[in-house]
Amino acid sequence: MEESPDQIRMTWFFWLLLGVEIVSAAVCFWGLKRLYHYIRRYRFDESVYTLPFGFMHLRYFVYFYVTTVLLAGATGFIFVLSLLNHDLAA
């Protein structure tokens, strides 16, 4: 049973997207680690002048960032699985 060229391309697309998602999650968590290391080293009181955008607490910004990275990864993974499941949706 030979694979068609479309299936081979989808297999490469699947692994490429999976790799991009893993790298994206790794960069996200590496950045968060550096951020909290910086916060512990240079601790200062929060005020209107130190909050991101002037009103958002840092922990809410971090929650939003992690949520969007995980949501983008899950969406991409489901997209590729749906293409693999439906033979390129054709």
PDB file of N, CA and C in Angstrom:
ATOM      1  N   MET A   1       0.853  -1.173   0.000  1.00  0.00           N
ATOM      2  CA  MET A   1       0.000   0.000   0.000  1.00  0.00           C
ATOM      3  C   MET A   1       0.898   1.235   0.000  1.00  0.00           C
ATOM      4  N   GLU A   2       0.922   1.934  -1.139  1.00  0.00           N
ATOM      5  CA  GLU A   2       1.759   3.111  -1.274  1.00  0.00           C
ATOM      6  C   GLU A   2       0.998   4.358  -0.852  1.00  0.00           C
ATOM      7  N   GLU A   3       1.757   5.311  -0.314  1.00  0.00           N
ATOM      8  CA  GLU A   3       1.158   6.585   0.066  1.00  0.00           C
ATOM      9  C   GLU A   3       1.157   7.516  -1.138  1.00  0.00           C
ATOM     10  N   SER A   4       0.105   8.279  -1.260  1.00  0.00           N
ATOM     11  CA  SER A   4       0.034   9.253  -2.348  1.00  0.00           C
ATOM     12  C   SER A   4       0.922  10.448  -1.999  1.00  0.00           C
ATOM     13  N   PRO A   5       1.300  11.252  -2.995  1.00  0.00           N
ATOM     14  CA  PRO A   5       2.117  12.453  -2.711  1.00  0.00           C
ATOM     15  C   PRO A   5       1.412  13.418  -1.758  1.00  0.00           C
ATOM     16  N   ASP A   6       0.082  13.482  -1.833  1.00  0.00           N
ATOM     17  CA  ASP A   6      -0.654  14.355  -0.915  1.00  0.00           C
ATOM     18  C   ASP A   6      -0.529  13.875   0.527  1.00  0.00           C
ATOM     19  N   GLN A   7      -0.573  12.566   0.726  1.00  0.00           N
ATOM     20  CA  GLN A   7      -0.426  12.036   2.081  1.00  0.00           C
ATOM     21  C   GLN A   7       0.976  12.276   2.618  1.00  0.00           C
ATOM     22  N   ILE A   8       1.966  12.169   1.756  1.00  0.00           N
ATOM     23  CA  ILE A   8       3.344  12.414   2.183  1.00  0.00           C
ATOM     24  C   ILE A   8       3.510  13.884   2.571  1.00  0.00           C
ATOM     25  N   ARG A   9       2.939  14.802   1.760  1.00  0.00           N
ATOM     26  CA  ARG A   9       3.015  16.217   2.100  1.00  0.00           C
ATOM     27  C   ARG A   9       2.294  16.505   3.412  1.00  0.00           C
ATOM     28  N   MET A  10       1.164  15.881   3.638  1.00  0.00           N
ATOM     29  CA  MET A  10       0.430  16.106   4.887  1.00  0.00           C
ATOM     30  C   MET A  10       1.201  15.562   6.080  1.00  0.00           C
ATOM     31  N   THR A  11       1.904  14.457   5.897  1.00  0.00           N
ATOM     32  CA  THR A  11       2.703  13.909   6.990  1.00  0.00           C
ATOM     33  C   THR A  11       3.801  14.894   7.365  1.00  0.00           C
ATOM     34  N   TRP A  12       4.474  15.459   6.345  1.00  0.00           N
ATOM     35  CA  TRP A  12       5.505  16.450   6.631  1.00  0.00           C
ATOM     36  C   TRP A  12       4.896  17.697   7.259  1.00  0.00           C
ATOM     37  N   PHE A  13       3.737  18.130   6.784  1.00  0.00           N
ATOM     38  CA  PHE A  13       3.066  19.296   7.349  1.00  0.00           C
ATOM     39  C   PHE A  13       2.698  19.043   8.806  1.00  0.00           C
ATOM     40  N   PHE A  14       2.223  17.843   9.104  1.00  0.00           N
ATOM     41  CA  PHE A  14       1.864  17.477  10.473  1.00  0.00           C
ATOM     42  C   PHE A  14       3.076  17.597  11.394  1.00  0.00           C
ATOM     43  N   TRP A  15       4.196  17.001  10.995  1.00  0.00           N
ATOM     44  CA  TRP A  15       5.389  17.030  11.841  1.00  0.00           C
ATOM     45  C   TRP A  15       5.977  18.423  11.937  1.00  0.00           C
ATOM     46  N   LEU A  16       5.907  19.190  10.861  1.00  0.00           N
ATOM     47  CA  LEU A  16       6.392  20.563  10.890  1.00  0.00           C
ATOM     48  C   LEU A  16       5.556  21.413  11.842  1.00  0.00           C
ATOM     49  N   LEU A  17       4.245  21.298  11.744  1.00  0.00           N
ATOM     50  CA  LEU A  17       3.371  22.064  12.636  1.00  0.00           C
ATOM     51  C   LEU A  17       3.544  21.624  14.091  1.00  0.00           C
ATOM     52  N   LEU A  18       3.682  20.341  14.309  1.00  0.00           N
ATOM     53  CA  LEU A  18       3.905  19.849  15.669  1.00  0.00           C
ATOM     54  C   LEU A  18       5.215  20.396  16.230  1.00  0.00           C
ATOM     55  N   GLY A  19       6.251  20.442  15.408  1.00  0.00           N
ATOM     56  CA  GLY A  19       7.525  21.013  15.847  1.00  0.00           C
ATOM     57  C   GLY A  19       7.412  22.490  16.169  1.00  0.00           C
ATOM     58  N   VAL A  20       6.686  23.232  15.339  1.00  0.00           N
ATOM     59  CA  VAL A  20       6.492  24.663  15.588  1.00  0.00           C
ATOM     60  C   VAL A  20       5.724  24.875  16.889  1.00  0.00           C
ATOM     61  N   GLU A  21       4.727  24.048  17.142  1.00  0.00           N
ATOM     62  CA  GLU A  21       3.954  24.169  18.384  1.00  0.00           C
ATOM     63  C   GLU A  21       4.804  23.859  19.607  1.00  0.00           C
ATOM     64  N   ILE A  22       5.658  22.875  19.515  1.00  0.00           N
ATOM     65  CA  ILE A  22       6.536  22.532  20.639  1.00  0.00           C
ATOM     66  C   ILE A  22       7.535  23.652  20.895  1.00  0.00           C
ATOM     67  N   VAL A  23       8.103  24.200  19.830  1.00  0.00           N
ATOM     68  CA  VAL A  23       9.039  25.316  19.979  1.00  0.00           C
ATOM     69  C   VAL A  23       8.323  26.532  20.565  1.00  0.00           C
ATOM     70  N   SER A  24       7.097  26.788  20.107  1.00  0.00           N
ATOM     71  CA  SER A  24       6.321  27.916  20.620  1.00  0.00           C
ATOM     72  C   SER A  24       6.060  27.769  22.124  1.00  0.00           C
ATOM     73  N   ALA A  25       5.668  26.578  22.547  1.00  0.00           N
ATOM     74  CA  ALA A  25       5.431  26.341  23.974  1.00  0.00           C
ATOM     75  C   ALA A  25       6.733  26.455  24.771  1.00  0.00           C
ATOM     76  N   ALA A  26       7.837  25.966  24.207  1.00  0.00           N
ATOM     77  CA  ALA A  26       9.125  26.057  24.899  1.00  0.00           C
ATOM     78  C   ALA A  26       9.554  27.513  25.063  1.00  0.00           C
ATOM     79  N   VAL A  27       9.385  28.323  24.027  1.00  0.00           N
ATOM     80  CA  VAL A  27       9.738  29.745  24.114  1.00  0.00           C
ATOM     81  C   VAL A  27       8.848  30.444  25.132  1.00  0.00           C
ATOM     82  N   CYS A  28       7.562  30.071  25.156  1.00  0.00           N
ATOM     83  CA  CYS A  28       6.624  30.658  26.125  1.00  0.00           C
ATOM     84  C   CYS A  28       7.102  30.383  27.555  1.00  0.00           C
ATOM     85  N   PHE A  29       7.382  29.146  27.854  1.00  0.00           N
ATOM     86  CA  PHE A  29       7.765  28.809  29.219  1.00  0.00           C
ATOM     87  C   PHE A  29       9.170  29.297  29.568  1.00  0.00           C
ATOM     88  N   TRP A  30      10.076  29.358  28.588  1.00  0.00           N
ATOM     89  CA  TRP A  30      11.396  29.933  28.820  1.00  0.00           C
ATOM     90  C   TRP A  30      11.268  31.423  29.133  1.00  0.00           C
ATOM     91  N   GLY A  31      10.420  32.121  28.378  1.00  0.00           N
ATOM     92  CA  GLY A  31      10.206  33.544  28.632  1.00  0.00           C
ATOM     93  C   GLY A  31       9.590  33.797  29.995  1.00  0.00           C
ATOM     94  N   LEU A  32       8.639  32.950  30.398  1.00  0.00           N
ATOM     95  CA  LEU A  32       8.029  33.104  31.719  1.00  0.00           C
ATOM     96  C   LEU A  32       9.039  32.844  32.829  1.00  0.00           C
ATOM     97  N   LYS A  33       9.901  31.870  32.621  1.00  0.00           N
ATOM     98  CA  LYS A  33      10.938  31.584  33.617  1.00  0.00           C
ATOM     99  C   LYS A  33      11.856  32.794  33.779  1.00  0.00           C
ATOM    100  N   ARG A  34      12.255  33.402  32.644  1.00  0.00           N
ATOM    101  CA  ARG A  34      13.115  34.588  32.697  1.00  0.00           C
ATOM    102  C   ARG A  34      12.391  35.766  33.335  1.00  0.00           C
ATOM    103  N   LEU A  35      11.102  35.917  33.028  1.00  0.00           N
ATOM    104  CA  LEU A  35      10.328  37.014  33.596  1.00  0.00           C
ATOM    105  C   LEU A  35      10.266  36.905  35.108  1.00  0.00           C
ATOM    106  N   TYR A  36       9.937  35.733  35.627  1.00  0.00           N
ATOM    107  CA  TYR A  36       9.830  35.578  37.079  1.00  0.00           C
ATOM    108  C   TYR A  36      11.196  35.633  37.762  1.00  0.00           C
ATOM    109  N   HIS A  37      12.241  35.209  37.068  1.00  0.00           N
ATOM    110  CA  HIS A  37      13.597  35.368  37.616  1.00  0.00           C
ATOM    111  C   HIS A  37      13.928  36.863  37.753  1.00  0.00           C
ATOM    112  N   TYR A  38      13.583  37.631  36.750  1.00  0.00           N
ATOM    113  CA  TYR A  38      13.809  39.076  36.777  1.00  0.00           C
ATOM    114  C   TYR A  38      12.998  39.741  37.880  1.00  0.00           C
ATOM    115  N   ILE A  39      11.739  39.310  38.037  1.00  0.00           N
ATOM    116  CA  ILE A  39      10.869  39.889  39.078  1.00  0.00           C
ATOM    117  C   ILE A  39      11.434  39.606  40.463  1.00  0.00           C
ATOM    118  N   ARG A  40      11.917  38.378  40.687  1.00  0.00           N
ATOM    119  CA  ARG A  40      12.489  38.050  41.999  1.00  0.00           C
ATOM    120  C   ARG A  40      13.764  38.843  42.273  1.00  0.00           C
ATOM    121  N   ARG A  41      14.541  39.088  41.247  1.00  0.00           N
ATOM    122  CA  ARG A  41      15.801  39.809  41.430  1.00  0.00           C
ATOM    123  C   ARG A  41      15.575  41.300  41.666  1.00  0.00           C
ATOM    124  N   TYR A  42      14.677  41.916  40.913  1.00  0.00           N
ATOM    125  CA  TYR A  42      14.461  43.357  40.987  1.00  0.00           C
ATOM    126  C   TYR A  42      13.040  43.661  41.444  1.00  0.00           C
ATOM    127  N   ARG A  43      12.719  43.226  42.628  1.00  0.00           N
ATOM    128  CA  ARG A  43      11.363  43.403  43.135  1.00  0.00           C
ATOM    129  C   ARG A  43      11.076  44.881  43.414  1.00  0.00           C
ATOM    130  N   PHE A  44       9.907  45.339  42.974  1.00  0.00           N
ATOM    131  CA  PHE A  44       9.454  46.701  43.261  1.00  0.00           C
ATOM    132  C   PHE A  44       7.932  46.689  43.363  1.00  0.00           C
ATOM    133  N   ASP A  45       7.392  47.699  44.001  1.00  0.00           N
ATOM    134  CA  ASP A  45       5.944  47.777  44.205  1.00  0.00           C
ATOM    135  C   ASP A  45       5.234  48.071  42.899  1.00  0.00           C
ATOM    136  N   GLU A  46       4.061  47.446  42.736  1.00  0.00           N
ATOM    137  CA  GLU A  46       3.250  47.719  41.548  1.00  0.00           C
ATOM    138  C   GLU A  46       2.539  49.052  41.699  1.00  0.00           C
ATOM    139  N   SER A  47       2.507  49.797  40.620  1.00  0.00           N
ATOM    140  CA  SER A  47       1.760  51.048  40.587  1.00  0.00           C
ATOM    141  C   SER A  47       1.237  51.228  39.166  1.00  0.00           C
ATOM    142  N   VAL A  48       0.550  52.310  38.938  1.00  0.00           N
ATOM    143  CA  VAL A  48       0.036  52.595  37.599  1.00  0.00           C
ATOM    144  C   VAL A  48       1.187  52.669  36.596  1.00  0.00           C
ATOM    145  N   TYR A  49       2.354  53.085  37.057  1.00  0.00           N
ATOM    146  CA  TYR A  49       3.497  53.268  36.168  1.00  0.00           C
ATOM    147  C   TYR A  49       4.251  51.976  35.878  1.00  0.00           C
ATOM    148  N   THR A  50       4.075  50.956  36.695  1.00  0.00           N
ATOM    149  CA  THR A  50       4.799  49.707  36.484  1.00  0.00           C
ATOM    150  C   THR A  50       3.935  48.603  35.907  1.00  0.00           C
ATOM    151  N   LEU A  51       2.635  48.773  35.870  1.00  0.00           N
ATOM    152  CA  LEU A  51       1.749  47.749  35.329  1.00  0.00           C
ATOM    153  C   LEU A  51       1.769  47.776  33.801  1.00  0.00           C
ATOM    154  N   PRO A  52       1.738  46.588  33.159  1.00  0.00           N
ATOM    155  CA  PRO A  52       1.636  46.575  31.695  1.00  0.00           C
ATOM    156  C   PRO A  52       0.348  47.287  31.253  1.00  0.00           C
ATOM    157  N   PHE A  53       0.459  48.132  30.263  1.00  0.00           N
ATOM    158  CA  PHE A  53      -0.656  48.931  29.732  1.00  0.00           C
ATOM    159  C   PHE A  53      -1.234  49.878  30.763  1.00  0.00           C
ATOM    160  N   GLY A  54      -0.606  50.000  31.914  1.00  0.00           N
ATOM    161  CA  GLY A  54      -1.042  50.945  32.931  1.00  0.00           C
ATOM    162  C   GLY A  54      -2.147  50.444  33.843  1.00  0.00           C
ATOM    163  N   PHE A  55      -2.739  49.290  33.545  1.00  0.00           N
ATOM    164  CA  PHE A  55      -3.858  48.823  34.370  1.00  0.00           C
ATOM    165  C   PHE A  55      -3.872  47.311  34.591  1.00  0.00           C
ATOM    166  N   MET A  56      -3.120  46.549  33.817  1.00  0.00           N
ATOM    167  CA  MET A  56      -3.199  45.087  33.877  1.00  0.00           C
ATOM    168  C   MET A  56      -2.127  44.540  34.822  1.00  0.00           C
ATOM    169  N   HIS A  57      -2.556  43.766  35.809  1.00  0.00           N
ATOM    170  CA  HIS A  57      -1.587  43.124  36.695  1.00  0.00           C
ATOM    171  C   HIS A  57      -0.797  42.091  35.898  1.00  0.00           C
ATOM    172  N   LEU A  58       0.446  41.903  36.263  1.00  0.00           N
ATOM    173  CA  LEU A  58       1.337  41.044  35.507  1.00  0.00           C
ATOM    174  C   LEU A  58       0.841  39.602  35.457  1.00  0.00           C
ATOM    175  N   ARG A  59       0.277  39.117  36.549  1.00  0.00           N
ATOM    176  CA  ARG A  59      -0.179  37.720  36.540  1.00  0.00           C
ATOM    177  C   ARG A  59      -1.315  37.508  35.549  1.00  0.00           C
ATOM    178  N   TYR A  60      -2.179  38.506  35.323  1.00  0.00           N
ATOM    179  CA  TYR A  60      -3.244  38.384  34.324  1.00  0.00           C
ATOM    180  C   TYR A  60      -2.666  38.378  32.916  1.00  0.00           C
ATOM    181  N   PHE A  61      -1.641  39.170  32.715  1.00  0.00           N
ATOM    182  CA  PHE A  61      -0.956  39.192  31.427  1.00  0.00           C
ATOM    183  C   PHE A  61      -0.325  37.825  31.146  1.00  0.00           C
ATOM    184  N   VAL A  62       0.279  37.218  32.156  1.00  0.00           N
ATOM    185  CA  VAL A  62       0.899  35.894  32.008  1.00  0.00           C
ATOM    186  C   VAL A  62      -0.170  34.843  31.740  1.00  0.00           C
ATOM    187  N   TYR A  63      -1.293  34.873  32.451  1.00  0.00           N
ATOM    188  CA  TYR A  63      -2.382  33.926  32.215  1.00  0.00           C
ATOM    189  C   TYR A  63      -2.890  34.037  30.777  1.00  0.00           C
ATOM    190  N   PHE A  64      -3.059  35.259  30.303  1.00  0.00           N
ATOM    191  CA  PHE A  64      -3.535  35.481  28.944  1.00  0.00           C
ATOM    192  C   PHE A  64      -2.534  34.940  27.924  1.00  0.00           C
ATOM    193  N   TYR A  65      -1.248  35.176  28.154  1.00  0.00           N
ATOM    194  CA  TYR A  65      -0.201  34.716  27.247  1.00  0.00           C
ATOM    195  C   TYR A  65      -0.167  33.191  27.176  1.00  0.00           C
ATOM    196  N   VAL A  66      -0.158  32.532  28.318  1.00  0.00           N
ATOM    197  CA  VAL A  66      -0.116  31.065  28.349  1.00  0.00           C
ATOM    198  C   VAL A  66      -1.374  30.484  27.712  1.00  0.00           C
ATOM    199  N   THR A  67      -2.524  31.070  28.010  1.00  0.00           N
ATOM    200  CA  THR A  67      -3.780  30.576  27.445  1.00  0.00           C
ATOM    201  C   THR A  67      -3.782  30.683  25.927  1.00  0.00           C
ATOM    202  N   THR A  68      -3.328  31.804  25.388  1.00  0.00           N
ATOM    203  CA  THR A  68      -3.326  31.951  23.934  1.00  0.00           C
ATOM    204  C   THR A  68      -2.327  31.022  23.261  1.00  0.00           C
ATOM    205  N   VAL A  69      -1.171  30.785  23.874  1.00  0.00           N
ATOM    206  CA  VAL A  69      -0.206  29.848  23.292  1.00  0.00           C
ATOM    207  C   VAL A  69      -0.777  28.433  23.293  1.00  0.00           C
ATOM    208  N   LEU A  70      -1.392  28.023  24.387  1.00  0.00           N
ATOM    209  CA  LEU A  70      -1.989  26.681  24.447  1.00  0.00           C
ATOM    210  C   LEU A  70      -3.166  26.549  23.494  1.00  0.00           C
ATOM    211  N   LEU A  71      -3.986  27.585  23.393  1.00  0.00           N
ATOM    212  CA  LEU A  71      -5.130  27.563  22.484  1.00  0.00           C
ATOM    213  C   LEU A  71      -4.668  27.500  21.028  1.00  0.00           C
ATOM    214  N   ALA A  72      -3.651  28.266  20.670  1.00  0.00           N
ATOM    215  CA  ALA A  72      -3.120  28.230  19.304  1.00  0.00           C
ATOM    216  C   ALA A  72      -2.532  26.851  18.985  1.00  0.00           C
ATOM    217  N   GLY A  73      -1.835  26.260  19.944  1.00  0.00           N
ATOM    218  CA  GLY A  73      -1.287  24.922  19.739  1.00  0.00           C
ATOM    219  C   GLY A  73      -2.363  23.873  19.564  1.00  0.00           C
ATOM    220  N   ALA A  74      -3.386  23.925  20.400  1.00  0.00           N
ATOM    221  CA  ALA A  74      -4.482  22.960  20.298  1.00  0.00           C
ATOM    222  C   ALA A  74      -5.257  23.140  18.993  1.00  0.00           C
ATOM    223  N   THR A  75      -5.477  24.383  18.590  1.00  0.00           N
ATOM    224  CA  THR A  75      -6.196  24.646  17.349  1.00  0.00           C
ATOM    225  C   THR A  75      -5.416  24.131  16.139  1.00  0.00           C
ATOM    226  N   GLY A  76      -4.130  24.388  16.100  1.00  0.00           N
ATOM    227  CA  GLY A  76      -3.303  23.893  14.999  1.00  0.00           C
ATOM    228  C   GLY A  76      -3.254  22.382  14.962  1.00  0.00           C
ATOM    229  N   PHE A  77      -3.147  21.755  16.117  1.00  0.00           N
ATOM    230  CA  PHE A  77      -3.095  20.300  16.185  1.00  0.00           C
ATOM    231  C   PHE A  77      -4.408  19.692  15.705  1.00  0.00           C
ATOM    232  N   ILE A  78      -5.528  20.240  16.136  1.00  0.00           N
ATOM    233  CA  ILE A  78      -6.835  19.744  15.696  1.00  0.00           C
ATOM    234  C   ILE A  78      -7.014  19.964  14.202  1.00  0.00           C
ATOM    235  N   PHE A  79      -6.550  21.103  13.690  1.00  0.00           N
ATOM    236  CA  PHE A  79      -6.633  21.377  12.256  1.00  0.00           C
ATOM    237  C   PHE A  79      -5.896  20.324  11.443  1.00  0.00           C
ATOM    238  N   VAL A  80      -4.659  20.017  11.826  1.00  0.00           N
ATOM    239  CA  VAL A  80      -3.881  19.036  11.069  1.00  0.00           C
ATOM    240  C   VAL A  80      -4.488  17.652  11.204  1.00  0.00           C
ATOM    241  N   LEU A  81      -4.960  17.291  12.386  1.00  0.00           N
ATOM    242  CA  LEU A  81      -5.596  15.987  12.535  1.00  0.00           C
ATOM    243  C   LEU A  81      -6.847  15.886  11.676  1.00  0.00           C
ATOM    244  N   SER A  82      -7.594  16.969  11.556  1.00  0.00           N
ATOM    245  CA  SER A  82      -8.789  16.928  10.715  1.00  0.00           C
ATOM    246  C   SER A  82      -8.406  16.769   9.246  1.00  0.00           C
ATOM    247  N   LEU A  83      -7.311  17.401   8.809  1.00  0.00           N
ATOM    248  CA  LEU A  83      -6.863  17.211   7.422  1.00  0.00           C
ATOM    249  C   LEU A  83      -6.377  15.785   7.191  1.00  0.00           C
ATOM    250  N   LEU A  84      -5.659  15.239   8.147  1.00  0.00           N
ATOM    251  CA  LEU A  84      -5.199  13.858   8.002  1.00  0.00           C
ATOM    252  C   LEU A  84      -6.373  12.886   8.013  1.00  0.00           C
ATOM    253  N   ASN A  85      -7.381  13.202   8.786  1.00  0.00           N
ATOM    254  CA  ASN A  85      -8.531  12.320   8.922  1.00  0.00           C
ATOM    255  C   ASN A  85      -9.413  12.334   7.683  1.00  0.00           C
ATOM    256  N   HIS A  86      -9.437  13.433   6.955  1.00  0.00           N
ATOM    257  CA  HIS A  86     -10.334  13.564   5.801  1.00  0.00           C
ATOM    258  C   HIS A  86      -9.589  13.567   4.491  1.00  0.00           C
ATOM    259  N   ASP A  87      -8.370  13.055   4.451  1.00  0.00           N
ATOM    260  CA  ASP A  87      -7.570  13.010   3.221  1.00  0.00           C
ATOM    261  C   ASP A  87      -7.557  14.348   2.503  1.00  0.00           C
ATOM    262  N   LEU A  88      -7.020  15.351   3.169  1.00  0.00           N
ATOM    263  CA  LEU A  88      -6.889  16.701   2.641  1.00  0.00           C
ATOM    264  C   LEU A  88      -8.226  17.369   2.392  1.00  0.00           C
ATOM    265  N   ALA A  89      -9.239  16.942   3.082  1.00  0.00           N
ATOM    266  CA  ALA A  89     -10.584  17.526   2.984  1.00  0.00           C
ATOM    267  C   ALA A  89     -11.100  17.529   1.549  1.00  0.00           C
ATOM    268  N   ALA A  90     -10.722  16.530   0.783  1.00  0.00           N
ATOM    269  CA  ALA A  90     -11.193  16.458  -0.606  1.00  0.00           C
ATOM    270  C   ALA A  90     -12.091  15.260  -0.823  1.00  0.00           C
TER     271      ALA A  90
END
